[in-house]
């Protein structure tokens, strides 16, 4: 019971290409919130420190304030913005994941512009995400302690490299086995870790190869786009600040496009894997117990 890497790779691209409007709708709400949050936090870095100082909001006074040698107030604003961004970004990413998986598997959400899925699915993914994170940190701590213990007995660099490689590969294998837990939660199925572990048996390495193909494709596309847009921006900058701004805007838009494109491909691929493996298990169950009475 294994997944067809090339088939899923091709079908993911095909679906995202021919249903790009639906994918854009699925992502619109969380992405709009994310961009609005970035704008607010950027504004906070400018206005909050100056306002905290008790000055009036005049451009001349702001210039004098930000040329001051004391960076304390600005650092406070930077820390607050960073913490707020991490929390909000995590929430938006979770909402976006649920939207993507539900559209990939259930074809839900492609007909409306705003969807956040702030419900029990959202809460369960956060809880399981924290559980997986704590387990991962524990695994890392155990690996480091084992390496430290072995190093105290056999102080050999080659042995350390082998141990790190083995622990790293096994860590990736474990992540591959539970990779579908968020998909399982998103489509309202029970026992997400157990279900993912069962479905991904024999497919962890294939999943890693599939995502390496996606990563290479996105990276190559990003490099080509960066070279083209970078050259275009240099040409436009010779024509003045307004034309240079157009080049920067196109570069920003291209970056946002790559982020959305990567999310859509990943969501569709995970949905296809879940559907394919679930169908195979159902078929095996029917074949095994065909003709038997329950």
Protein backbone atom coordinates (compact mmCIF):
# COMPACT_ATOMS: atom_id res chain seq x y z
CA UNK A 1 0.00 0.00 0.00
CA UNK A 2 2.20 2.83 -1.30
CA UNK A 3 1.58 6.21 -2.88
CA UNK A 4 2.48 7.08 -6.46
CA UNK A 5 4.82 10.08 -6.11
CA UNK A 6 4.82 11.20 -9.75
CA UNK A 7 1.04 10.85 -10.05
CA UNK A 8 0.41 12.97 -6.95
CA UNK A 9 3.01 15.50 -8.08
CA UNK A 10 1.34 15.92 -11.48
CA UNK A 11 -2.23 15.92 -10.17
CA UNK A 12 -1.39 18.56 -7.55
CA UNK A 13 -0.04 20.93 -10.19
CA UNK A 14 -2.95 20.19 -12.49
CA UNK A 15 -5.55 20.89 -9.81
CA UNK A 16 -3.94 24.11 -8.60
CA UNK A 17 -3.55 25.34 -12.17
CA UNK A 18 -7.08 24.62 -13.36
CA UNK A 19 -8.82 25.56 -10.10
CA UNK A 20 -6.68 28.59 -9.26
CA UNK A 21 -9.74 30.80 -8.69
CA UNK A 22 -11.16 28.37 -6.12
CA UNK A 23 -7.79 28.04 -4.35
CA UNK A 24 -7.49 31.81 -4.25
CA UNK A 25 -10.92 32.06 -2.62
CA UNK A 26 -10.01 29.40 -0.07
CA UNK A 27 -6.91 31.38 0.94
CA UNK A 28 -8.35 34.88 0.63
CA UNK A 29 -9.64 35.38 4.19
CA UNK A 30 -6.53 34.21 6.10
CA UNK A 31 -4.14 35.88 3.63
CA UNK A 32 -5.98 39.19 3.84
CA UNK A 33 -5.81 39.01 7.63
CA UNK A 34 -2.11 38.17 7.46
CA UNK A 35 -1.31 41.14 5.20
CA UNK A 36 -3.42 43.47 7.36
CA UNK A 37 -1.55 42.21 10.43
CA UNK A 38 1.82 42.87 8.78
CA UNK A 39 0.69 46.40 7.96
CA UNK A 40 -0.51 47.07 11.52
CA UNK A 41 2.67 45.70 13.10
CA UNK A 42 4.85 47.71 10.71
CA UNK A 43 2.87 50.79 11.63
CA UNK A 44 3.28 49.90 15.29
CA UNK A 45 7.08 49.94 14.95
CA UNK A 46 6.88 53.53 13.72
CA UNK A 47 4.07 55.06 15.77
CA UNK A 48 4.14 53.17 19.11
CA UNK A 49 7.65 54.18 20.26
CA UNK A 50 7.08 57.80 19.26
CA UNK A 51 3.66 57.94 20.91
CA UNK A 52 5.04 56.26 24.04
CA UNK A 53 7.57 59.07 24.32
CA UNK A 54 4.74 61.61 24.73
CA UNK A 55 5.58 63.63 21.62
CA UNK A 56 3.10 65.01 19.12
CA UNK A 57 2.80 63.24 15.78
CA UNK A 58 4.75 65.66 13.60
CA UNK A 59 7.16 64.48 10.94
CA UNK A 60 9.99 66.78 12.06
CA UNK A 61 9.72 65.63 15.68
CA UNK A 62 9.56 61.96 14.62
CA UNK A 63 12.81 62.37 12.65
CA UNK A 64 14.50 63.83 15.71
CA UNK A 65 13.11 61.06 17.91
CA UNK A 66 14.37 58.25 15.70
CA UNK A 67 17.84 59.77 15.43
CA UNK A 68 18.13 59.65 19.23
CA UNK A 69 20.83 57.36 20.60
CA UNK A 70 18.48 55.71 23.12
CA UNK A 71 16.91 52.61 21.47
CA UNK A 72 15.02 51.33 24.55
CA UNK A 73 11.50 52.35 23.53
CA UNK A 74 12.00 51.10 19.98
CA UNK A 75 13.26 47.73 21.29
CA UNK A 76 10.13 47.40 23.46
CA UNK A 77 7.97 48.01 20.41
CA UNK A 78 10.03 45.53 18.39
CA UNK A 79 9.60 42.79 21.02
CA UNK A 80 5.83 43.39 21.30
CA UNK A 81 5.45 43.31 17.51
CA UNK A 82 7.53 40.12 17.20
CA UNK A 83 5.49 38.27 19.86
CA UNK A 84 2.18 39.46 18.38
CA UNK A 85 3.29 38.47 14.88
CA UNK A 86 4.29 34.96 15.97
CA UNK A 87 0.97 34.34 17.71
CA UNK A 88 -1.18 35.77 14.92
CA UNK A 89 0.90 34.11 12.21
CA UNK A 90 0.48 30.72 13.91
CA UNK A 91 -3.29 31.18 14.12
CA UNK A 92 -3.56 32.28 10.48
CA UNK A 93 -1.37 29.37 9.31
CA UNK A 94 -3.57 26.93 11.22
CA UNK A 95 -6.74 28.37 9.71
CA UNK A 96 -5.17 28.32 6.25
CA UNK A 97 -4.14 24.66 6.67
CA UNK A 98 -7.66 23.60 7.60
CA UNK A 99 -9.13 25.53 4.67
CA UNK A 100 -6.66 23.93 2.27
CA UNK A 101 -7.15 20.37 3.48
CA UNK A 102 -10.93 20.62 3.48
CA UNK A 103 -10.97 21.95 -0.06
CA UNK A 104 -8.43 19.34 -1.21
CA UNK A 105 -10.36 16.40 0.28
CA UNK A 106 -13.99 17.57 0.52
CA UNK A 107 -14.00 20.28 -2.16
CA UNK A 108 -15.32 22.71 0.47
CA UNK A 109 -14.75 26.46 0.48
CA UNK A 110 -14.03 27.13 -3.17
CA UNK A 111 -17.33 28.98 -3.56
CA UNK A 112 -16.85 31.63 -0.85
CA UNK A 113 -14.27 34.33 -0.21
CA UNK A 114 -14.10 34.38 3.58
CA UNK A 115 -13.51 31.23 5.62
CA UNK A 116 -11.47 30.83 8.81
CA UNK A 117 -12.66 27.55 10.41
CA UNK A 118 -12.25 28.93 13.91
CA UNK A 119 -13.93 25.94 15.52
CA UNK A 120 -13.02 22.68 17.26
CA UNK A 121 -10.88 21.64 14.29
CA UNK A 122 -8.80 24.76 14.91
CA UNK A 123 -8.48 23.97 18.62
CA UNK A 124 -7.62 20.30 18.03
CA UNK A 125 -4.88 21.10 15.51
CA UNK A 126 -3.31 23.56 17.97
CA UNK A 127 -3.47 20.99 20.80
CA UNK A 128 -2.02 18.20 18.65
CA UNK A 129 0.56 20.60 17.23
CA UNK A 130 1.74 21.44 20.76
CA UNK A 131 1.79 17.71 21.59
CA UNK A 132 3.89 16.94 18.50
CA UNK A 133 6.20 19.86 19.28
CA UNK A 134 6.75 18.74 22.89
CA UNK A 135 7.35 15.17 21.71
CA UNK A 136 9.86 16.43 19.13
CA UNK A 137 11.75 18.46 21.74
CA UNK A 138 11.80 15.42 24.04
CA UNK A 139 13.13 13.24 21.22
CA UNK A 140 15.84 15.82 20.48
CA UNK A 141 16.82 15.98 24.16
CA UNK A 142 17.05 12.18 24.39
CA UNK A 143 19.19 12.05 21.22
CA UNK A 144 21.56 14.69 22.58
CA UNK A 145 21.90 12.85 25.88
CA UNK A 146 22.64 9.56 24.09
CA UNK A 147 25.25 11.23 21.88
CA UNK A 148 26.79 12.89 24.94
CA UNK A 149 26.93 9.55 26.78
CA UNK A 150 28.48 7.74 23.80
CA UNK A 151 30.91 10.61 23.31
CA UNK A 152 32.09 10.29 26.91
CA UNK A 153 32.93 6.63 26.27
CA UNK A 154 34.09 6.78 22.64
CA UNK A 155 35.37 10.24 21.81
CA UNK A 156 35.24 9.80 18.04
CA UNK A 157 33.96 12.34 15.50
CA UNK A 158 33.00 9.64 12.98
CA UNK A 159 30.81 7.87 15.54
CA UNK A 160 29.12 11.18 16.42
CA UNK A 161 28.38 11.87 12.75
CA UNK A 162 26.84 8.39 12.34
CA UNK A 163 24.68 8.80 15.46
CA UNK A 164 23.49 12.27 14.40
CA UNK A 165 22.65 10.95 10.92
CA UNK A 166 20.74 7.94 12.27
CA UNK A 167 18.79 9.99 14.81
CA UNK A 168 18.04 12.63 12.16
CA UNK A 169 16.80 10.08 9.62
CA UNK A 170 14.64 8.36 12.21
CA UNK A 171 13.24 11.73 13.26
CA UNK A 172 12.24 12.45 9.66
CA UNK A 173 10.71 8.98 9.46
CA UNK A 174 8.59 9.63 12.56
CA UNK A 175 7.45 12.98 11.16
CA UNK A 176 6.52 11.26 7.92
CA UNK A 177 4.41 8.69 9.74
CA UNK A 178 2.34 11.34 11.54
CA UNK A 179 2.30 13.87 8.68
CA UNK A 180 -1.40 13.35 7.94
CA UNK A 181 -2.66 14.13 11.45
CA UNK A 182 -3.71 17.70 10.50
CA UNK A 183 -5.53 16.40 7.41
CA UNK A 184 -7.36 13.80 9.52
CA UNK A 185 -8.45 16.48 12.01
CA UNK A 186 -9.48 18.87 9.22
CA UNK A 187 -11.87 16.34 7.67
CA UNK A 188 -13.37 15.46 11.09
CA UNK A 189 -11.96 11.96 11.46
CA UNK A 190 -11.05 10.44 14.82
CA UNK A 191 -7.68 9.41 16.27
CA UNK A 192 -5.52 11.60 14.00
CA UNK A 193 -2.10 10.36 15.16
CA UNK A 194 -3.10 6.69 15.06
CA UNK A 195 -4.83 7.07 11.69
CA UNK A 196 -1.87 8.89 10.15
CA UNK A 197 0.57 6.33 11.58
CA UNK A 198 -1.45 3.51 10.03
CA UNK A 199 -1.98 5.19 6.64
CA UNK A 200 1.62 6.31 6.21
CA UNK A 201 3.15 2.90 6.90
CA UNK A 202 5.73 2.35 4.16
CA UNK A 203 5.21 5.85 2.75
CA UNK A 204 7.28 8.12 5.01
CA UNK A 205 10.28 8.13 2.67
CA UNK A 206 8.05 8.63 -0.37
CA UNK A 207 6.47 11.65 1.29
CA UNK A 208 9.92 13.17 1.92
CA UNK A 209 10.87 12.61 -1.75
CA UNK A 210 7.59 14.20 -2.88
CA UNK A 211 8.16 17.30 -0.79
CA UNK A 212 11.75 17.52 -2.00
CA UNK A 213 10.37 17.63 -5.57
CA UNK A 214 7.98 20.41 -4.56
CA UNK A 215 10.80 22.29 -2.83
CA UNK A 216 13.08 22.01 -5.88
CA UNK A 217 10.27 23.19 -8.18
CA UNK A 218 9.35 26.19 -6.01
CA UNK A 219 13.01 27.10 -5.44
CA UNK A 220 13.81 26.94 -9.16
CA UNK A 221 10.72 29.02 -9.98
CA UNK A 222 11.66 31.52 -7.28
CA UNK A 223 15.24 31.87 -8.56
CA UNK A 224 14.12 32.44 -12.15
CA UNK A 225 11.45 34.92 -11.06
CA UNK A 226 13.91 36.77 -8.79
CA UNK A 227 16.47 37.10 -11.59
CA UNK A 228 13.87 38.38 -14.05
CA UNK A 229 12.19 40.79 -11.63
CA UNK A 230 15.55 41.92 -10.22
CA UNK A 231 16.78 42.79 -13.69
CA UNK A 232 13.48 44.53 -14.44
CA UNK A 233 13.69 46.57 -11.21
CA UNK A 234 17.23 47.69 -12.07
CA UNK A 235 16.07 48.82 -15.49
CA UNK A 236 13.04 50.61 -14.05
CA UNK A 237 15.11 52.32 -11.32
CA UNK A 238 17.01 54.20 -14.01
CA UNK A 239 13.73 55.85 -14.95
CA UNK A 240 13.02 57.29 -11.50
CA UNK A 241 11.64 56.38 -8.08
CA UNK A 242 8.10 55.72 -9.29
CA UNK A 243 9.20 53.11 -11.83
CA UNK A 244 11.52 51.52 -9.26
CA UNK A 245 8.56 51.27 -6.86
CA UNK A 246 6.64 49.37 -9.54
CA UNK A 247 9.50 46.86 -9.73
CA UNK A 248 9.53 46.43 -5.95
CA UNK A 249 5.76 45.96 -5.97
CA UNK A 250 6.03 43.25 -8.66
CA UNK A 251 8.72 41.50 -6.63
CA UNK A 252 6.56 41.55 -3.51
CA UNK A 253 3.57 40.25 -5.44
CA UNK A 254 5.71 37.44 -6.88
CA UNK A 255 6.87 36.47 -3.38
CA UNK A 256 3.28 36.32 -2.10
CA UNK A 257 2.31 34.29 -5.16
CA UNK A 258 5.04 31.72 -4.42
CA UNK A 259 3.89 31.39 -0.81
CA UNK A 260 0.28 30.81 -1.87
CA UNK A 261 1.33 28.46 -4.69
CA UNK A 262 3.42 26.35 -2.30
CA UNK A 263 0.55 26.20 0.22
CA UNK A 264 -1.95 25.11 -2.47
CA UNK A 265 0.38 22.41 -3.85
CA UNK A 266 1.14 21.05 -0.39
CA UNK A 267 -2.51 21.04 0.66
CA UNK A 268 -3.63 19.26 -2.51
CA UNK A 269 -0.82 16.71 -2.31
CA UNK A 270 -1.62 15.86 1.32
CA UNK A 271 -5.30 15.60 0.44
CA UNK A 272 -4.55 13.26 -2.47
CA UNK A 273 -2.33 11.09 -0.27
CA UNK A 274 -5.04 10.83 2.38
CA UNK A 275 -7.71 9.98 -0.21
CA UNK A 276 -5.56 7.44 -2.01
CA UNK A 277 -4.41 5.58 1.10
CA UNK A 278 -7.87 5.65 2.71
CA UNK A 279 -9.42 4.23 -0.48
CA UNK A 280 -6.82 1.45 -0.61
CA UNK A 281 -7.47 0.49 3.00
CA UNK A 282 -11.23 0.44 2.41
CA UNK A 283 -10.74 -1.70 -0.70
CA UNK A 284 -8.52 -4.16 1.18
CA UNK A 285 -11.05 -4.36 4.00
CA UNK A 286 -13.92 -5.07 1.58
CA UNK A 287 -11.85 -7.65 -0.28
CA UNK A 288 -10.80 -9.38 2.92
CA UNK A 289 -14.25 -9.62 4.45
CA UNK A 290 -16.31 -9.95 1.28
CA UNK A 291 -19.12 -12.44 1.71
CA UNK A 292 -18.79 -12.58 5.50
CA UNK A 293 -21.68 -11.70 7.77
CA UNK A 294 -21.16 -9.30 10.68
